[in-house]
Amino acid sequence: MTSRDLVRSRRPDAIVTVYPDYLAPLGAVFTLAGQHVPLITVVTDLVTVHRMWFNDSSELCLVATQDAAIWLSGPVLRRQGQDHRYPGQS
């Protein structure tokens, strides 16, 4: 069964991925199918983070450490009840 078949048959409300190699193929599946399924990425690399984790297909990207958060493009990361801004972000 392909990813496209799985998305079609299961009709998920969202997909959570912990493996960066799935981001681009899932984005392509959504585009080709004309379908929108929110894709949530949980980055499991704690310090040395490959840019592959950060893909435009993902609507939400969760990281566990400040080192990994530097790579986020959003202006604010909410952590332990406080807003933290990172270098290069206003």
N, C-alpha and C. Protein backbone atom coordinates (compact mmCIF):
# COMPACT_ATOMS: atom_id res chain seq x y z
N MET A 1 0.85 -1.17 0.00
CA MET A 1 0.00 0.00 0.00
C MET A 1 0.90 1.24 0.00
N THR A 2 0.61 2.18 -0.87
CA THR A 2 1.42 3.41 -0.97
C THR A 2 0.94 4.44 0.05
N SER A 3 1.74 5.48 0.23
CA SER A 3 1.36 6.58 1.12
C SER A 3 0.06 7.20 0.65
N ARG A 4 -0.07 7.37 -0.64
CA ARG A 4 -1.30 7.96 -1.21
C ARG A 4 -2.51 7.10 -0.88
N ASP A 5 -2.38 5.78 -1.02
CA ASP A 5 -3.47 4.87 -0.69
C ASP A 5 -3.83 4.95 0.79
N LEU A 6 -2.81 5.00 1.62
CA LEU A 6 -3.05 5.10 3.07
C LEU A 6 -3.80 6.37 3.44
N VAL A 7 -3.37 7.49 2.88
CA VAL A 7 -4.04 8.77 3.17
C VAL A 7 -5.48 8.73 2.68
N ARG A 8 -5.68 8.18 1.50
CA ARG A 8 -7.02 8.09 0.93
C ARG A 8 -7.94 7.19 1.76
N SER A 9 -7.44 6.04 2.16
CA SER A 9 -8.28 5.07 2.86
C SER A 9 -8.51 5.42 4.33
N ARG A 10 -7.52 5.98 4.98
CA ARG A 10 -7.62 6.29 6.42
C ARG A 10 -8.21 7.66 6.70
N ARG A 11 -8.04 8.60 5.73
CA ARG A 11 -8.52 9.97 5.86
C ARG A 11 -8.18 10.57 7.24
N PRO A 12 -6.90 10.69 7.54
CA PRO A 12 -6.47 11.17 8.86
C PRO A 12 -6.79 12.65 9.08
N ASP A 13 -6.99 13.03 10.34
CA ASP A 13 -7.18 14.43 10.69
C ASP A 13 -5.84 15.16 10.65
N ALA A 14 -4.77 14.45 10.93
CA ALA A 14 -3.41 15.00 10.88
C ALA A 14 -2.45 13.81 10.82
N ILE A 15 -1.24 14.11 10.39
CA ILE A 15 -0.18 13.09 10.37
C ILE A 15 0.99 13.64 11.15
N VAL A 16 1.49 12.85 12.10
CA VAL A 16 2.65 13.23 12.90
C VAL A 16 3.82 12.37 12.42
N THR A 17 4.91 13.02 12.08
CA THR A 17 6.08 12.28 11.63
C THR A 17 7.29 12.58 12.53
N VAL A 18 8.06 11.55 12.78
CA VAL A 18 9.30 11.69 13.57
C VAL A 18 10.50 11.29 12.72
N TYR A 19 10.28 11.25 11.41
CA TYR A 19 11.34 10.85 10.50
C TYR A 19 11.35 11.81 9.31
N PRO A 20 12.43 12.55 9.09
CA PRO A 20 12.43 13.62 8.09
C PRO A 20 12.26 13.16 6.64
N ASP A 21 12.59 11.92 6.34
CA ASP A 21 12.48 11.44 4.96
C ASP A 21 11.04 11.34 4.48
N TYR A 22 10.06 11.41 5.37
CA TYR A 22 8.65 11.33 4.97
C TYR A 22 8.07 12.68 4.58
N LEU A 23 8.71 13.77 4.93
CA LEU A 23 8.13 15.09 4.72
C LEU A 23 7.89 15.42 3.24
N ALA A 24 8.90 15.33 2.42
CA ALA A 24 8.75 15.67 1.00
C ALA A 24 7.77 14.74 0.28
N PRO A 25 7.86 13.41 0.47
CA PRO A 25 6.89 12.53 -0.20
C PRO A 25 5.45 12.79 0.24
N LEU A 26 5.24 13.04 1.52
CA LEU A 26 3.87 13.32 1.97
C LEU A 26 3.37 14.64 1.39
N GLY A 27 4.23 15.65 1.33
CA GLY A 27 3.86 16.91 0.70
C GLY A 27 3.45 16.70 -0.75
N ALA A 28 4.19 15.86 -1.46
CA ALA A 28 3.87 15.56 -2.86
C ALA A 28 2.54 14.82 -2.97
N VAL A 29 2.29 13.88 -2.08
CA VAL A 29 1.02 13.15 -2.07
C VAL A 29 -0.14 14.12 -1.90
N PHE A 30 -0.01 15.05 -0.96
CA PHE A 30 -1.08 16.01 -0.72
C PHE A 30 -1.31 16.90 -1.94
N THR A 31 -0.23 17.34 -2.56
CA THR A 31 -0.34 18.20 -3.73
C THR A 31 -1.00 17.47 -4.89
N LEU A 32 -0.52 16.27 -5.18
CA LEU A 32 -1.07 15.49 -6.30
C LEU A 32 -2.53 15.09 -6.08
N ALA A 33 -2.88 14.83 -4.84
CA ALA A 33 -4.25 14.41 -4.53
C ALA A 33 -5.19 15.61 -4.37
N GLY A 34 -4.62 16.81 -4.36
CA GLY A 34 -5.43 18.00 -4.13
C GLY A 34 -6.09 17.96 -2.76
N GLN A 35 -5.37 17.44 -1.82
CA GLN A 35 -5.88 17.17 -0.49
C GLN A 35 -5.05 17.93 0.54
N HIS A 36 -5.67 18.27 1.64
CA HIS A 36 -4.93 18.93 2.71
C HIS A 36 -5.06 18.11 3.99
N VAL A 37 -3.96 17.61 4.48
CA VAL A 37 -3.91 16.93 5.77
C VAL A 37 -2.78 17.61 6.54
N PRO A 38 -3.08 18.20 7.71
CA PRO A 38 -2.01 18.84 8.48
C PRO A 38 -0.89 17.86 8.80
N LEU A 39 0.32 18.29 8.55
CA LEU A 39 1.50 17.47 8.81
C LEU A 39 2.26 18.11 9.96
N ILE A 40 2.49 17.34 11.00
CA ILE A 40 3.19 17.80 12.21
C ILE A 40 4.51 17.05 12.30
N THR A 41 5.58 17.80 12.46
CA THR A 41 6.91 17.20 12.53
C THR A 41 7.44 17.30 13.95
N VAL A 42 7.90 16.19 14.49
CA VAL A 42 8.56 16.16 15.79
C VAL A 42 10.03 15.85 15.51
N VAL A 43 10.88 16.86 15.71
CA VAL A 43 12.31 16.72 15.43
C VAL A 43 12.94 15.93 16.57
N THR A 44 13.53 14.81 16.24
CA THR A 44 14.12 13.95 17.27
C THR A 44 15.62 14.19 17.45
N ASP A 45 16.22 15.00 16.58
CA ASP A 45 17.61 15.39 16.77
C ASP A 45 17.65 16.49 17.82
N LEU A 46 18.48 16.36 18.80
CA LEU A 46 18.49 17.31 19.90
C LEU A 46 19.46 18.46 19.73
N VAL A 47 20.58 18.24 19.06
CA VAL A 47 21.59 19.29 18.93
C VAL A 47 21.95 19.54 17.47
N THR A 48 22.50 18.55 16.82
CA THR A 48 22.89 18.67 15.42
C THR A 48 21.67 18.32 14.57
N VAL A 49 21.07 19.33 13.98
CA VAL A 49 19.81 19.13 13.27
C VAL A 49 20.03 19.33 11.77
N HIS A 50 19.65 18.34 10.99
CA HIS A 50 19.76 18.45 9.54
C HIS A 50 18.61 19.30 9.01
N ARG A 51 18.88 20.13 8.01
CA ARG A 51 17.85 21.02 7.48
C ARG A 51 16.68 20.26 6.85
N MET A 52 16.87 18.99 6.59
CA MET A 52 15.83 18.14 6.03
C MET A 52 14.57 18.11 6.91
N TRP A 53 14.77 18.33 8.22
CA TRP A 53 13.64 18.33 9.15
C TRP A 53 12.66 19.46 8.87
N PHE A 54 13.15 20.56 8.33
CA PHE A 54 12.35 21.77 8.20
C PHE A 54 11.87 21.91 6.76
N ASN A 55 10.67 21.45 6.53
CA ASN A 55 10.10 21.36 5.20
C ASN A 55 8.81 22.16 5.16
N ASP A 56 8.56 22.85 4.07
CA ASP A 56 7.36 23.68 3.95
C ASP A 56 6.07 22.87 4.03
N SER A 57 6.13 21.57 3.83
CA SER A 57 4.93 20.73 3.91
C SER A 57 4.40 20.64 5.33
N SER A 58 5.27 20.84 6.30
CA SER A 58 4.89 20.70 7.71
C SER A 58 4.25 21.99 8.23
N GLU A 59 3.10 21.85 8.87
CA GLU A 59 2.41 23.02 9.44
C GLU A 59 2.90 23.35 10.83
N LEU A 60 3.38 22.35 11.53
CA LEU A 60 3.86 22.54 12.90
C LEU A 60 5.13 21.73 13.07
N CYS A 61 6.13 22.37 13.64
CA CYS A 61 7.40 21.70 13.86
C CYS A 61 7.76 21.82 15.33
N LEU A 62 7.91 20.70 15.99
CA LEU A 62 8.20 20.67 17.42
C LEU A 62 9.63 20.22 17.66
N VAL A 63 10.33 20.95 18.52
CA VAL A 63 11.70 20.62 18.87
C VAL A 63 11.83 20.54 20.38
N ALA A 64 12.83 19.81 20.84
CA ALA A 64 12.97 19.59 22.28
C ALA A 64 14.05 20.45 22.94
N THR A 65 14.93 21.03 22.14
CA THR A 65 16.03 21.78 22.74
C THR A 65 16.19 23.15 22.09
N GLN A 66 16.84 24.03 22.80
CA GLN A 66 17.14 25.37 22.28
C GLN A 66 18.07 25.28 21.07
N ASP A 67 19.00 24.35 21.10
CA ASP A 67 19.91 24.18 19.96
C ASP A 67 19.13 23.86 18.69
N ALA A 68 18.14 23.01 18.80
CA ALA A 68 17.33 22.65 17.63
C ALA A 68 16.41 23.80 17.23
N ALA A 69 15.95 24.59 18.19
CA ALA A 69 15.01 25.68 17.92
C ALA A 69 15.61 26.79 17.09
N ILE A 70 16.90 26.91 17.08
CA ILE A 70 17.57 27.95 16.27
C ILE A 70 17.18 27.82 14.81
N TRP A 71 16.88 26.60 14.38
CA TRP A 71 16.57 26.34 12.97
C TRP A 71 15.14 26.68 12.60
N LEU A 72 14.28 26.93 13.57
CA LEU A 72 12.88 27.23 13.28
C LEU A 72 12.75 28.57 12.59
N SER A 73 11.82 28.67 11.67
CA SER A 73 11.63 29.94 10.96
C SER A 73 10.58 30.82 11.62
N GLY A 74 9.75 30.27 12.48
CA GLY A 74 8.73 31.06 13.18
C GLY A 74 9.37 31.98 14.19
N PRO A 75 8.72 33.10 14.51
CA PRO A 75 9.34 34.09 15.39
C PRO A 75 9.41 33.69 16.86
N VAL A 76 8.51 32.83 17.33
CA VAL A 76 8.47 32.55 18.76
C VAL A 76 8.23 31.07 18.99
N LEU A 77 8.94 30.54 19.94
CA LEU A 77 8.71 29.16 20.37
C LEU A 77 8.18 29.22 21.79
N ARG A 78 7.12 28.54 22.06
CA ARG A 78 6.54 28.54 23.40
C ARG A 78 7.15 27.37 24.16
N ARG A 79 7.79 27.68 25.27
CA ARG A 79 8.45 26.63 26.04
C ARG A 79 8.29 26.94 27.52
N GLN A 80 7.80 26.00 28.27
CA GLN A 80 7.63 26.12 29.72
C GLN A 80 6.91 27.41 30.09
N GLY A 81 5.85 27.73 29.32
CA GLY A 81 5.01 28.86 29.65
C GLY A 81 5.57 30.22 29.32
N GLN A 82 6.72 30.29 28.66
CA GLN A 82 7.32 31.59 28.33
C GLN A 82 7.63 31.64 26.84
N ASP A 83 7.57 32.84 26.28
CA ASP A 83 7.97 33.03 24.90
C ASP A 83 9.47 33.21 24.83
N HIS A 84 10.11 32.49 23.95
CA HIS A 84 11.55 32.61 23.76
C HIS A 84 11.81 33.04 22.33
N ARG A 85 12.57 34.07 22.16
CA ARG A 85 12.95 34.52 20.82
C ARG A 85 14.40 34.10 20.57
N TYR A 86 14.68 33.80 19.34
CA TYR A 86 15.99 33.26 18.99
C TYR A 86 16.75 34.22 18.09
N PRO A 87 18.05 34.03 17.97
CA PRO A 87 18.89 34.93 17.17
C PRO A 87 18.31 35.15 15.78
N GLY A 88 18.31 36.40 15.33
CA GLY A 88 17.83 36.72 14.00
C GLY A 88 16.33 36.92 13.93
N GLN A 89 15.65 36.82 15.05
CA GLN A 89 14.21 37.00 15.07
C GLN A 89 13.86 38.17 15.96
N SER A 90 12.91 38.97 15.51
CA SER A 90 12.51 40.14 16.32
C SER A 90 11.33 39.83 17.21
